PDB file of N, CA and C in Angstrom:
ATOM      1  N   MET A   1     165.013  55.833 101.220  1.00  0.00           N
ATOM      2  CA  MET A   1     165.078  54.889 100.087  1.00  0.00           C
ATOM      3  C   MET A   1     163.738  54.238  99.891  1.00  0.00           C
ATOM      4  N   SER A   2     163.153  54.464  98.725  1.00  0.00           N
ATOM      5  CA  SER A   2     161.842  53.949  98.410  1.00  0.00           C
ATOM      6  C   SER A   2     161.870  52.640  97.633  1.00  0.00           C
ATOM      7  N   THR A   3     161.090  51.692  98.033  1.00  0.00           N
ATOM      8  CA  THR A   3     160.990  50.490  97.293  1.00  0.00           C
ATOM      9  C   THR A   3     159.925  50.635  96.202  1.00  0.00           C
ATOM     10  N   ARG A   4     159.872  49.662  95.283  1.00  0.00           N
ATOM     11  CA  ARG A   4     158.894  49.738  94.217  1.00  0.00           C
ATOM     12  C   ARG A   4     157.467  49.735  94.798  1.00  0.00           C
ATOM     13  N   ASP A   5     157.233  48.909  95.844  1.00  0.00           N
ATOM     14  CA  ASP A   5     155.923  48.847  96.442  1.00  0.00           C
ATOM     15  C   ASP A   5     155.517  50.206  97.054  1.00  0.00           C
ATOM     16  N   GLU A   6     156.457  50.888  97.677  1.00  0.00           N
ATOM     17  CA  GLU A   6     156.171  52.193  98.262  1.00  0.00           C
ATOM     18  C   GLU A   6     155.802  53.205  97.186  1.00  0.00           C
ATOM     19  N   LEU A   7     156.540  53.170  96.066  1.00  0.00           N
ATOM     20  CA  LEU A   7     156.259  54.080  94.977  1.00  0.00           C
ATOM     21  C   LEU A   7     154.912  53.779  94.375  1.00  0.00           C
ATOM     22  N   GLU A   8     154.560  52.536  94.242  1.00  0.00           N
ATOM     23  CA  GLU A   8     153.245  52.183  93.701  1.00  0.00           C
ATOM     24  C   GLU A   8     152.139  52.626  94.619  1.00  0.00           C
ATOM     25  N   ALA A   9     152.346  52.495  95.931  1.00  0.00           N
ATOM     26  CA  ALA A   9     151.355  52.935  96.895  1.00  0.00           C
ATOM     27  C   ALA A   9     151.147  54.427  96.842  1.00  0.00           C
ATOM     28  N   ILE A  10     152.262  55.200  96.719  1.00  0.00           N
ATOM     29  CA  ILE A  10     152.171  56.635  96.584  1.00  0.00           C
ATOM     30  C   ILE A  10     151.429  57.020  95.318  1.00  0.00           C
ATOM     31  N   ASN A  11     151.773  56.340  94.217  1.00  0.00           N
ATOM     32  CA  ASN A  11     151.118  56.618  92.934  1.00  0.00           C
ATOM     33  C   ASN A  11     149.631  56.331  93.029  1.00  0.00           C
ATOM     34  N   LYS A  12     149.238  55.256  93.693  1.00  0.00           N
ATOM     35  CA  LYS A  12     147.806  54.960  93.842  1.00  0.00           C
ATOM     36  C   LYS A  12     147.127  56.029  94.651  1.00  0.00           C
ATOM     37  N   ASN A  13     147.745  56.488  95.746  1.00  0.00           N
ATOM     38  CA  ASN A  13     147.143  57.529  96.547  1.00  0.00           C
ATOM     39  C   ASN A  13     146.925  58.809  95.753  1.00  0.00           C
ATOM     40  N   ILE A  14     147.922  59.140  94.917  1.00  0.00           N
ATOM     41  CA  ILE A  14     147.757  60.319  94.057  1.00  0.00           C
ATOM     42  C   ILE A  14     146.603  60.132  93.080  1.00  0.00           C
ATOM     43  N   SER A  15     146.568  58.953  92.451  1.00  0.00           N
ATOM     44  CA  SER A  15     145.491  58.677  91.509  1.00  0.00           C
ATOM     45  C   SER A  15     144.132  58.751  92.163  1.00  0.00           C
ATOM     46  N   ASP A  16     144.022  58.211  93.390  1.00  0.00           N
ATOM     47  CA  ASP A  16     142.761  58.233  94.127  1.00  0.00           C
ATOM     48  C   ASP A  16     142.373  59.695  94.444  1.00  0.00           C
ATOM     49  N   ALA A  17     143.363  60.495  94.832  1.00  0.00           N
ATOM     50  CA  ALA A  17     143.075  61.876  95.135  1.00  0.00           C
ATOM     51  C   ALA A  17     142.588  62.648  93.918  1.00  0.00           C
ATOM     52  N   ILE A  18     143.218  62.405  92.770  1.00  0.00           N
ATOM     53  CA  ILE A  18     142.804  63.077  91.524  1.00  0.00           C
ATOM     54  C   ILE A  18     141.383  62.667  91.183  1.00  0.00           C
ATOM     55  N   MET A  19     141.071  61.368  91.321  1.00  0.00           N
ATOM     56  CA  MET A  19     139.743  60.860  91.001  1.00  0.00           C
ATOM     57  C   MET A  19     138.709  61.518  91.890  1.00  0.00           C
ATOM     58  N   ILE A  20     139.008  61.672  93.199  1.00  0.00           N
ATOM     59  CA  ILE A  20     138.070  62.316  94.131  1.00  0.00           C
ATOM     60  C   ILE A  20     137.862  63.781  93.700  1.00  0.00           C
ATOM     61  N   LEU A  21     138.933  64.499  93.340  1.00  0.00           N
ATOM     62  CA  LEU A  21     138.790  65.862  92.936  1.00  0.00           C
ATOM     63  C   LEU A  21     137.949  65.992  91.678  1.00  0.00           C
ATOM     64  N   LYS A  22     138.116  65.032  90.772  1.00  0.00           N
ATOM     65  CA  LYS A  22     137.307  65.046  89.519  1.00  0.00           C
ATOM     66  C   LYS A  22     135.828  64.808  89.863  1.00  0.00           C
ATOM     67  N   LEU A  23     135.554  63.893  90.838  1.00  0.00           N
ATOM     68  CA  LEU A  23     134.187  63.662  91.241  1.00  0.00           C
ATOM     69  C   LEU A  23     133.581  64.890  91.855  1.00  0.00           C
ATOM     70  N   ILE A  24     134.348  65.613  92.687  1.00  0.00           N
ATOM     71  CA  ILE A  24     133.880  66.811  93.332  1.00  0.00           C
ATOM     72  C   ILE A  24     133.567  67.856  92.251  1.00  0.00           C
ATOM     73  N   ASP A  25     134.474  68.002  91.263  1.00  0.00           N
ATOM     74  CA  ASP A  25     134.233  68.980  90.190  1.00  0.00           C
ATOM     75  C   ASP A  25     132.986  68.583  89.404  1.00  0.00           C
ATOM     76  N   PHE A  26     132.800  67.276  89.137  1.00  0.00           N
ATOM     77  CA  PHE A  26     131.638  66.839  88.373  1.00  0.00           C
ATOM     78  C   PHE A  26     130.366  67.203  89.138  1.00  0.00           C
ATOM     79  N   ASP A  27     130.322  66.946  90.445  1.00  0.00           N
ATOM     80  CA  ASP A  27     129.140  67.260  91.215  1.00  0.00           C
ATOM     81  C   ASP A  27     128.922  68.789  91.208  1.00  0.00           C
ATOM     82  N   CYS A  28     130.021  69.513  91.246  1.00  0.00           N
ATOM     83  CA  CYS A  28     129.923  70.983  91.259  1.00  0.00           C
ATOM     84  C   CYS A  28     129.272  71.486  89.989  1.00  0.00           C
ATOM     85  N   TYR A  29     129.732  70.994  88.870  1.00  0.00           N
ATOM     86  CA  TYR A  29     129.243  71.505  87.571  1.00  0.00           C
ATOM     87  C   TYR A  29     127.950  70.905  87.145  1.00  0.00           C
ATOM     88  N   SER A  30     127.640  69.701  87.624  1.00  0.00           N
ATOM     89  CA  SER A  30     126.372  69.038  87.212  1.00  0.00           C
ATOM     90  C   SER A  30     125.198  69.671  87.992  1.00  0.00           C
ATOM     91  N   ASN A  31     125.494  70.195  89.176  1.00  0.00           N
ATOM     92  CA  ASN A  31     124.489  70.919  89.992  1.00  0.00           C
ATOM     93  C   ASN A  31     124.594  72.391  89.709  1.00  0.00           C
ATOM     94  N   ASN A  32     123.775  73.183  90.414  1.00  0.00           N
ATOM     95  CA  ASN A  32     123.896  74.605  90.275  1.00  0.00           C
ATOM     96  C   ASN A  32     125.209  75.069  90.817  1.00  0.00           C
ATOM     97  N   GLU A  33     125.801  76.066  90.166  1.00  0.00           N
ATOM     98  CA  GLU A  33     127.083  76.547  90.641  1.00  0.00           C
ATOM     99  C   GLU A  33     126.954  77.164  92.047  1.00  0.00           C
ATOM    100  N   ASP A  34     125.756  77.577  92.411  1.00  0.00           N
ATOM    101  CA  ASP A  34     125.565  78.123  93.733  1.00  0.00           C
ATOM    102  C   ASP A  34     125.841  77.093  94.805  1.00  0.00           C
ATOM    103  N   ASN A  35     125.632  75.796  94.458  1.00  0.00           N
ATOM    104  CA  ASN A  35     125.895  74.729  95.416  1.00  0.00           C
ATOM    105  C   ASN A  35     127.332  74.286  95.444  1.00  0.00           C
ATOM    106  N   CYS A  36     128.166  74.906  94.615  1.00  0.00           N
ATOM    107  CA  CYS A  36     129.551  74.480  94.540  1.00  0.00           C
ATOM    108  C   CYS A  36     130.338  75.012  95.714  1.00  0.00           C
ATOM    109  N   ASN A  37     130.975  74.078  96.462  1.00  0.00           N
ATOM    110  CA  ASN A  37     131.856  74.455  97.565  1.00  0.00           C
ATOM    111  C   ASN A  37     133.288  74.448  97.078  1.00  0.00           C
ATOM    112  N   THR A  38     133.950  75.586  97.120  1.00  0.00           N
ATOM    113  CA  THR A  38     135.326  75.621  96.709  1.00  0.00           C
ATOM    114  C   THR A  38     136.197  75.226  97.883  1.00  0.00           C
ATOM    115  N   ILE A  39     137.269  74.499  97.617  1.00  0.00           N
ATOM    116  CA  ILE A  39     138.170  74.011  98.682  1.00  0.00           C
ATOM    117  C   ILE A  39     139.172  75.106  98.988  1.00  0.00           C
TER     118      ILE A  39
END
């Protein structure tokens, strides 16, 4: 049983993870593709 606070915490973690992935993609494409590390 999830409370509203738990759901908000999960949602924040997902948002943070997406933001980190976008930052990684931005670094990948702004630099040479040779320097891109795929996960």
